[in-house]
Amino acid sequence: MWETFKNEDVHLLATTIFVVQLATLLVRSDPGSVQLHVQYAKYSDNRNKLRIDRMNSLDFDTVILMIVFFMISAILHAYRYVESKTQNGLACSMRVSWWRWADYVITAPTMIVVVGISVGIFDMCELLTLYASAVSFGLVTVAIASFLVITLCVADRVVDVDLSHRLQYVSYVSVFALAYTYLWSIAISALRKDTKMLASKCFETTTEKTAVFIFAFVPYMVMWASIFVRFGIAVNQADGDVPDSVYCIVVVMFVGFTGSFPIILACEMYLSTKVDQDLAELLYTTAGVANKVALGWFMQMGVERAQNASE
């Protein structure tokens, strides 16, 4: 059944949904009514020792931030829809698309930051740590997907120079961000050895697959562990009841992320004979759209409730 449902259909549907959410937000929400206060420490040099002098805060308009998020999401999916049509749905090219990497390092980490803010994390350093952890997980995931693309596409003779260059860039970025020597060794093999040798050696054993999969999970688990710790502290210290939208955001996003990207990655690595390139890309795209739509809806619900409470 999935063969009749293509990637460009998902991107077109996502673009339509985000445009509708954007229009609804512009009509029903009042910019400036809900402010987000993010704190950061102001340090001073006291006898060659740094100490926190005071805490400053930055004020952001929540509605404006949501508008920007929906606009970026709509633009990314619209461009990927056009790219899918021009590439004729070729999974090998789509999976290492520059715009897919942009989606991984912009919208996905932003969603994690929103979850962190929802549970009471307002410190700039903590939010940047969450963002970096999400970016790291995304980069490792894309790097692994790139290696799998090279491995699985060699037989189809669709590995071109441009795709190899993109693999090289994402490998460098992944190693720079994470310093994972194992991924670096695979990247060197991908760049210097014959592609046929790579196809027979890359992720050949279960141990190799498990090691890379665990490496990808390290920043992911650190990211969610910090969120749940702060969420537990916020619930215990709350004066009143925690809004339902907060519970929805935390639970749905955790289940959505854990039940989609890691599981799809594991299926692709361990069940490569059953999960081919087209199906894997379709699952990744659908999971990403579902998570972003759910988060956008819960965010909008929370903003509208905050506006009604202030009136």
Protein backbone atom coordinates (compact mmCIF):
# COMPACT_ATOMS: atom_id res chain seq x y z
CA MET A 1 0.00 0.00 0.00
CA TRP A 2 2.83 2.39 0.80
CA GLU A 3 4.06 2.16 -2.80
CA THR A 4 1.11 4.31 -3.91
CA PHE A 5 1.92 6.95 -1.29
CA LYS A 6 5.09 8.82 -2.22
CA ASN A 7 7.41 11.24 -0.47
CA GLU A 8 6.23 14.20 -2.50
CA ASP A 9 2.68 13.52 -1.29
CA VAL A 10 3.83 13.77 2.34
CA HIS A 11 5.72 17.00 1.67
CA LEU A 12 2.74 18.52 -0.13
CA LEU A 13 0.44 17.54 2.73
CA ALA A 14 2.89 18.93 5.29
CA THR A 15 3.19 22.23 3.42
CA THR A 16 -0.60 22.56 3.33
CA ILE A 17 -0.94 21.77 7.04
CA PHE A 18 1.71 24.28 8.10
CA VAL A 19 0.21 27.00 5.92
CA VAL A 20 -3.20 26.34 7.52
CA GLN A 21 -1.66 26.41 11.01
CA LEU A 22 0.13 29.63 10.16
CA ALA A 23 -3.06 31.25 8.90
CA THR A 24 -4.99 30.07 11.97
CA LEU A 25 -2.30 31.47 14.26
CA LEU A 26 -2.34 34.83 12.49
CA VAL A 27 -6.13 35.08 12.75
CA ARG A 28 -6.75 33.77 16.26
CA SER A 29 -3.64 34.81 18.19
CA ASP A 30 -2.56 38.22 19.41
CA PRO A 31 1.17 38.93 19.01
CA GLY A 32 2.73 40.29 22.18
CA SER A 33 0.19 38.73 24.53
CA VAL A 34 2.38 35.79 25.63
CA GLN A 35 6.01 36.56 26.44
CA LEU A 36 8.84 34.06 26.85
CA HIS A 37 11.59 35.01 29.31
CA VAL A 38 14.95 33.28 28.81
CA GLN A 39 17.63 33.86 31.43
CA TYR A 40 21.38 33.95 31.09
CA ALA A 41 24.16 34.63 33.58
CA LYS A 42 26.19 37.83 33.57
CA TYR A 43 29.73 37.05 34.73
CA SER A 44 32.30 39.37 36.25
CA ASP A 45 36.05 38.95 36.77
CA ASN A 46 36.86 39.08 40.47
CA ARG A 47 40.57 38.52 41.17
CA ASN A 48 40.98 36.36 38.09
CA LYS A 49 37.98 34.28 39.08
CA LEU A 50 34.75 34.31 37.17
CA ARG A 51 31.60 34.59 39.21
CA ILE A 52 27.97 35.19 38.40
CA ASP A 53 27.25 38.86 38.93
CA ARG A 54 23.56 38.80 38.05
CA MET A 55 20.99 37.03 35.91
CA ASN A 56 19.76 38.85 32.83
CA SER A 57 16.78 37.87 30.74
CA LEU A 58 15.77 38.05 27.10
CA ASP A 59 12.13 38.51 26.21
CA PHE A 60 10.65 36.81 23.16
CA ASP A 61 7.18 36.95 21.70
CA THR A 62 5.88 33.38 21.73
CA VAL A 63 3.40 33.99 18.92
CA ILE A 64 6.09 35.45 16.66
CA LEU A 65 8.37 32.48 17.38
CA MET A 66 5.57 30.08 16.43
CA ILE A 67 4.90 32.02 13.23
CA VAL A 68 8.59 31.76 12.29
CA PHE A 69 8.59 28.02 13.08
CA PHE A 70 5.55 27.36 10.89
CA MET A 71 6.95 29.49 8.06
CA ILE A 72 10.32 27.69 8.09
CA SER A 73 8.61 24.29 8.22
CA ALA A 74 6.33 25.17 5.32
CA ILE A 75 9.24 26.48 3.22
CA LEU A 76 11.40 23.42 3.90
CA HIS A 77 8.66 20.97 2.99
CA ALA A 78 7.62 23.00 -0.05
CA TYR A 79 11.18 22.96 -1.34
CA ARG A 80 11.55 19.25 -0.60
CA TYR A 81 8.30 18.65 -2.50
CA VAL A 82 9.75 20.39 -5.55
CA GLU A 83 13.01 18.51 -5.08
CA SER A 84 11.15 15.18 -4.87
CA LYS A 85 9.40 15.93 -8.15
CA THR A 86 12.60 16.95 -9.93
CA GLN A 87 14.53 13.96 -8.57
CA ASN A 88 11.67 11.65 -9.59
CA GLY A 89 11.52 10.36 -6.02
CA LEU A 90 15.06 8.91 -6.17
CA ALA A 91 15.64 7.89 -2.56
CA CYS A 92 19.43 7.92 -2.76
CA SER A 93 19.53 11.59 -3.71
CA MET A 94 16.68 12.59 -1.39
CA ARG A 95 18.23 11.00 1.67
CA VAL A 96 21.36 13.15 1.46
CA SER A 97 19.58 16.30 0.37
CA TRP A 98 20.93 19.59 1.74
CA TRP A 99 17.38 20.58 2.66
CA ARG A 100 16.90 17.41 4.64
CA TRP A 101 19.98 18.25 6.68
CA ALA A 102 18.60 21.74 7.20
CA ASP A 103 15.40 20.17 8.48
CA TYR A 104 17.41 18.08 10.94
CA VAL A 105 19.45 20.97 12.34
CA ILE A 106 16.69 23.61 12.42
CA THR A 107 13.20 22.29 13.05
CA ALA A 108 13.99 19.11 15.02
CA PRO A 109 16.27 20.80 17.61
CA THR A 110 13.81 23.69 17.84
CA MET A 111 11.11 21.22 18.79
CA ILE A 112 13.30 19.84 21.58
CA VAL A 113 13.98 23.36 22.86
CA VAL A 114 10.23 24.02 22.92
CA VAL A 115 9.74 20.87 24.98
CA GLY A 116 12.47 22.05 27.36
CA ILE A 117 10.83 25.45 27.76
CA SER A 118 7.49 23.75 28.40
CA VAL A 119 8.91 21.86 31.39
CA GLY A 120 10.44 24.99 32.92
CA ILE A 121 13.94 25.20 31.43
CA PHE A 122 14.57 28.90 30.87
CA ASP A 123 18.34 29.05 31.29
CA MET A 124 20.09 29.93 28.03
CA CYS A 125 22.96 27.49 28.58
CA GLU A 126 20.62 24.57 29.28
CA LEU A 127 18.53 25.36 26.22
CA LEU A 128 21.65 25.58 24.05
CA THR A 129 22.77 22.21 25.45
CA LEU A 130 19.43 20.68 24.48
CA TYR A 131 19.73 22.21 21.03
CA ALA A 132 23.27 20.88 20.59
CA SER A 133 22.23 17.40 21.75
CA ALA A 134 19.37 17.32 19.25
CA VAL A 135 21.65 18.54 16.46
CA SER A 136 24.19 15.86 17.35
CA PHE A 137 21.56 13.13 17.21
CA GLY A 138 20.32 14.45 13.88
CA LEU A 139 23.81 14.64 12.41
CA VAL A 140 24.70 11.12 13.48
CA THR A 141 21.41 9.83 12.10
CA VAL A 142 21.97 11.56 8.76
CA ALA A 143 25.58 10.37 8.65
CA ILE A 144 24.50 6.77 9.20
CA ALA A 145 21.78 7.17 6.59
CA SER A 146 24.39 8.52 4.17
CA PHE A 147 26.63 5.51 4.70
CA LEU A 148 23.67 3.20 4.18
CA VAL A 149 22.79 5.11 1.01
CA ILE A 150 26.25 4.54 -0.40
CA THR A 151 26.21 0.88 0.62
CA LEU A 152 22.76 0.06 -0.72
CA CYS A 153 22.96 2.17 -3.87
CA VAL A 154 26.23 0.80 -5.21
CA ALA A 155 24.42 -2.15 -6.76
CA ASP A 156 22.07 0.23 -8.54
CA ARG A 157 25.00 2.29 -9.92
CA VAL A 158 23.43 5.56 -8.84
CA VAL A 159 26.31 6.85 -6.68
CA ASP A 160 27.48 10.05 -8.35
CA VAL A 161 30.21 12.55 -7.55
CA ASP A 162 27.84 15.11 -6.04
CA LEU A 163 26.38 12.55 -3.65
CA SER A 164 29.87 11.46 -2.59
CA HIS A 165 30.83 15.07 -1.89
CA ARG A 166 27.74 15.57 0.24
CA LEU A 167 28.61 12.41 2.17
CA GLN A 168 32.07 13.82 2.76
CA TYR A 169 30.73 17.11 4.12
CA VAL A 170 28.21 15.52 6.48
CA SER A 171 30.89 13.12 7.72
CA TYR A 172 33.21 16.00 8.57
CA VAL A 173 30.44 17.91 10.33
CA SER A 174 29.36 14.85 12.30
CA VAL A 175 32.87 14.11 13.47
CA PHE A 176 33.51 17.76 14.33
CA ALA A 177 30.35 17.88 16.43
CA LEU A 178 30.71 14.51 18.15
CA ALA A 179 34.31 13.28 17.78
CA TYR A 180 33.15 9.73 17.22
CA THR A 181 36.20 7.89 15.94
CA TYR A 182 34.16 4.98 14.68
CA LEU A 183 32.11 7.16 12.38
CA TRP A 184 35.32 8.86 11.30
CA SER A 185 36.86 5.53 10.28
CA ILE A 186 33.78 4.68 8.24
CA ALA A 187 33.88 8.12 6.63
CA ILE A 188 37.51 7.63 5.64
CA SER A 189 36.66 4.23 4.20
CA ALA A 190 33.81 5.76 2.25
CA LEU A 191 36.05 8.44 0.79
CA ARG A 192 39.28 6.54 0.09
CA LYS A 193 38.35 2.94 -0.64
CA ASP A 194 36.60 1.41 -3.58
CA THR A 195 32.83 1.68 -3.29
CA LYS A 196 32.42 -2.05 -3.92
CA MET A 197 34.70 -2.76 -0.97
CA LEU A 198 32.68 -0.32 1.11
CA ALA A 199 29.46 -2.02 0.09
CA SER A 200 30.76 -5.33 1.41
CA LYS A 201 32.39 -3.99 4.59
CA CYS A 202 30.27 -1.10 5.87
CA PHE A 203 27.97 -2.22 8.73
CA GLU A 204 28.82 -5.83 7.91
CA THR A 205 28.54 -7.31 11.40
CA THR A 206 25.90 -6.98 14.08
CA THR A 207 28.54 -5.57 16.44
CA GLU A 208 29.28 -2.70 14.06
CA LYS A 209 25.61 -1.93 13.64
CA THR A 210 24.99 -2.03 17.39
CA ALA A 211 27.99 0.20 18.14
CA VAL A 212 26.87 2.89 15.70
CA PHE A 213 23.28 2.64 16.90
CA ILE A 214 24.39 3.13 20.53
CA PHE A 215 26.55 6.10 19.49
CA ALA A 216 23.50 7.68 17.91
CA PHE A 217 21.51 7.13 21.09
CA VAL A 218 23.99 8.80 23.47
CA PRO A 219 23.03 12.44 22.77
CA TYR A 220 19.40 11.39 22.38
CA MET A 221 19.17 9.84 25.87
CA VAL A 222 21.11 12.69 27.50
CA MET A 223 18.73 15.14 25.91
CA TRP A 224 15.57 13.44 27.17
CA ALA A 225 17.02 12.58 30.58
CA SER A 226 17.66 16.27 31.31
CA ILE A 227 14.15 17.15 30.15
CA PHE A 228 12.46 14.58 32.39
CA VAL A 229 14.59 15.54 35.42
CA ARG A 230 13.60 19.17 35.08
CA PHE A 231 10.00 18.19 34.41
CA GLY A 232 9.88 16.20 37.66
CA ILE A 233 11.33 19.12 39.60
CA ALA A 234 8.84 21.54 38.03
CA VAL A 235 5.88 19.29 38.88
CA ASN A 236 6.97 18.90 42.52
CA GLN A 237 7.55 22.64 42.97
CA ALA A 238 4.45 23.82 41.10
CA ASP A 239 2.02 25.87 43.18
CA GLY A 240 -0.99 24.70 41.19
CA ASP A 241 -1.84 22.08 38.62
CA VAL A 242 0.45 21.71 35.63
CA PRO A 243 -1.44 22.57 32.41
CA ASP A 244 -2.61 19.62 30.36
CA SER A 245 -0.86 21.03 27.31
CA VAL A 246 2.51 20.63 29.06
CA TYR A 247 1.86 16.96 29.80
CA CYS A 248 0.72 16.47 26.21
CA ILE A 249 3.82 18.12 24.77
CA VAL A 250 6.25 16.10 26.91
CA VAL A 251 4.56 12.72 26.57
CA VAL A 252 3.56 12.99 22.91
CA MET A 253 6.94 14.36 21.82
CA PHE A 254 8.86 11.69 23.74
CA VAL A 255 6.68 8.90 22.38
CA GLY A 256 6.73 10.47 18.93
CA PHE A 257 10.50 10.86 18.78
CA THR A 258 11.33 7.54 20.45
CA GLY A 259 8.69 5.66 18.54
CA SER A 260 9.76 7.00 15.17
CA PHE A 261 13.35 7.99 14.40
CA PRO A 262 15.34 5.49 16.52
CA ILE A 263 13.02 2.60 15.63
CA ILE A 264 13.09 3.44 11.92
CA LEU A 265 16.89 3.70 12.08
CA ALA A 266 17.12 0.33 13.84
CA CYS A 267 14.80 -1.33 11.32
CA GLU A 268 16.80 0.13 8.46
CA MET A 269 20.09 -1.13 9.88
CA TYR A 270 18.97 -4.58 11.01
CA LEU A 271 16.16 -5.27 8.52
CA SER A 272 17.72 -3.81 5.39
CA THR A 273 16.21 -6.57 3.25
CA LYS A 274 12.68 -5.56 4.28
CA VAL A 275 13.10 -1.79 4.70
CA ASP A 276 14.42 -0.40 1.43
CA GLN A 277 15.47 3.16 0.62
CA ASP A 278 12.06 4.36 -0.54
CA LEU A 279 10.21 2.96 2.46
CA ALA A 280 12.79 4.27 4.95
CA GLU A 281 12.64 7.79 3.50
CA LEU A 282 8.85 7.71 3.50
CA LEU A 283 8.79 6.62 7.16
CA TYR A 284 11.29 9.32 8.20
CA THR A 285 9.35 12.01 6.37
CA THR A 286 5.98 10.93 7.77
CA ALA A 287 7.33 10.69 11.32
CA GLY A 288 8.90 14.14 11.12
CA VAL A 289 5.71 15.72 9.80
CA ALA A 290 3.58 14.01 12.46
CA ASN A 291 5.83 15.23 15.28
CA LYS A 292 5.93 18.80 14.00
CA VAL A 293 2.18 18.97 13.44
CA ALA A 294 1.47 17.57 16.92
CA LEU A 295 3.87 19.99 18.59
CA GLY A 296 2.47 22.93 16.64
CA TRP A 297 -1.08 22.06 17.66
CA PHE A 298 -0.20 21.70 21.35
CA MET A 299 1.80 24.94 21.28
CA GLN A 300 -1.12 26.77 19.74
CA MET A 301 -3.47 25.27 22.33
CA GLY A 302 -1.19 26.45 25.14
CA VAL A 303 -0.87 29.97 23.72
CA GLU A 304 -4.63 30.33 23.31
CA ARG A 305 -5.19 29.13 26.88
CA ALA A 306 -2.61 31.63 28.18
CA GLN A 307 -4.28 34.43 26.24
CA ASN A 308 -7.71 33.53 27.62
CA ALA A 309 -6.34 33.41 31.17
CA SER A 310 -4.83 36.90 30.84
CA GLU A 311 -8.07 38.47 29.62
